[in-house]
Amino acid sequence: MAIQPIEERCAMTINVYVLIQVEEGEPWFIADRISNIEGVKTTHIVTGQYDIIAFAELNDLHELKDLIKKIHQVEGVRHTQTAVCIP
């Protein structure tokens, strides 16, 4: 039996929802910018505590870290909360 690196044995897509609070104003421009970030599949403007929900498919936790960093770099983003889907 060949030994495989742990990265190969655990290879699976990581699906996440990122709930995003933005500064007051129009969230559509911010959602559009976020939808262009690599890995993001959809963004939706929603009511409630958060203004935008983004869904992303990622390859690993490094990509998740990069995604959150890029979302926070979008002007107008105030706060995020990330929910990782359990397979």
Protein backbone atom coordinates (compact mmCIF):
# COMPACT_ATOMS: atom_id res chain seq x y z
CA MET A 1 0.00 0.00 0.00
CA ALA A 2 1.42 3.37 -1.02
CA ILE A 3 1.53 6.18 1.50
CA GLN A 4 -0.37 9.26 0.38
CA PRO A 5 0.19 12.76 1.67
CA ILE A 6 -2.59 13.89 4.00
CA GLU A 7 -3.56 16.60 1.50
CA GLU A 8 -4.47 13.92 -1.06
CA ARG A 9 -6.39 11.75 1.40
CA CYS A 10 -8.46 14.69 2.62
CA ALA A 11 -9.01 16.34 -0.75
CA MET A 12 -12.54 17.68 -0.87
CA THR A 13 -14.25 20.92 -1.63
CA ILE A 14 -14.95 23.20 1.33
CA ASN A 15 -18.33 24.91 1.00
CA VAL A 16 -18.88 28.05 3.07
CA TYR A 17 -21.46 30.74 3.59
CA VAL A 18 -20.10 34.15 4.55
CA LEU A 19 -22.60 36.46 6.25
CA ILE A 20 -21.59 40.07 5.70
CA GLN A 21 -22.55 43.31 7.42
CA VAL A 22 -21.85 46.46 5.44
CA GLU A 23 -21.82 50.17 6.14
CA GLU A 24 -25.14 51.93 5.65
CA GLY A 25 -26.05 52.57 2.07
CA GLU A 26 -26.45 50.45 -1.02
CA PRO A 27 -25.20 46.87 -0.53
CA TRP A 28 -25.58 45.96 -4.23
CA PHE A 29 -22.23 47.48 -5.25
CA ILE A 30 -20.45 45.65 -2.42
CA ALA A 31 -22.17 42.35 -3.30
CA ASP A 32 -21.09 42.79 -6.91
CA ARG A 33 -17.45 43.32 -5.88
CA ILE A 34 -17.58 40.26 -3.60
CA SER A 35 -19.11 38.12 -6.36
CA ASN A 36 -15.94 38.70 -8.42
CA ILE A 37 -13.64 37.21 -5.76
CA GLU A 38 -12.23 33.82 -6.75
CA GLY A 39 -14.23 30.96 -5.26
CA VAL A 40 -17.43 32.94 -4.69
CA LYS A 41 -20.31 31.30 -6.55
CA THR A 42 -23.26 33.47 -5.50
CA THR A 43 -24.08 36.56 -3.46
CA HIS A 44 -27.51 37.57 -2.19
CA ILE A 45 -28.79 40.75 -0.58
CA VAL A 46 -30.83 39.72 2.47
CA THR A 47 -32.81 41.23 5.32
CA GLY A 48 -31.94 40.88 8.99
CA GLN A 49 -28.73 41.23 10.96
CA TYR A 50 -26.57 40.70 7.86
CA ASP A 51 -26.86 42.51 4.54
CA ILE A 52 -25.21 40.04 2.14
CA ILE A 53 -24.76 36.28 2.12
CA ALA A 54 -22.03 34.88 -0.13
CA PHE A 55 -21.60 31.20 -0.99
CA ALA A 56 -18.14 29.94 -1.94
CA GLU A 57 -16.54 26.64 -2.95
CA LEU A 58 -12.90 26.37 -1.91
CA ASN A 59 -10.15 23.76 -2.09
CA ASP A 60 -8.57 24.19 1.32
CA LEU A 61 -8.36 26.27 4.49
CA HIS A 62 -5.69 28.52 2.96
CA GLU A 63 -8.20 29.56 0.30
CA LEU A 64 -10.77 30.22 3.05
CA LYS A 65 -8.31 32.48 4.85
CA ASP A 66 -7.59 34.34 1.60
CA LEU A 67 -11.30 34.68 0.83
CA ILE A 68 -12.10 36.25 4.20
CA LYS A 69 -9.14 38.61 3.87
CA LYS A 70 -10.28 39.70 0.38
CA ILE A 71 -13.87 40.24 1.54
CA HIS A 72 -12.65 42.46 4.39
CA GLN A 73 -10.61 44.49 1.90
CA VAL A 74 -13.78 45.46 0.01
CA GLU A 75 -14.67 49.03 0.92
CA GLY A 76 -17.85 49.17 3.00
CA VAL A 77 -17.57 45.72 4.60
CA ARG A 78 -17.97 46.11 8.34
CA HIS A 79 -18.11 42.53 9.73
CA THR A 80 -18.28 38.92 8.54
CA GLN A 81 -19.28 35.61 10.03
CA THR A 82 -18.33 32.39 8.28
CA ALA A 83 -20.32 29.16 8.36
CA VAL A 84 -18.50 26.11 7.00
CA CYS A 85 -20.84 23.43 5.62
CA ILE A 86 -20.47 20.01 7.21
CA PRO A 87 -20.41 17.24 4.58
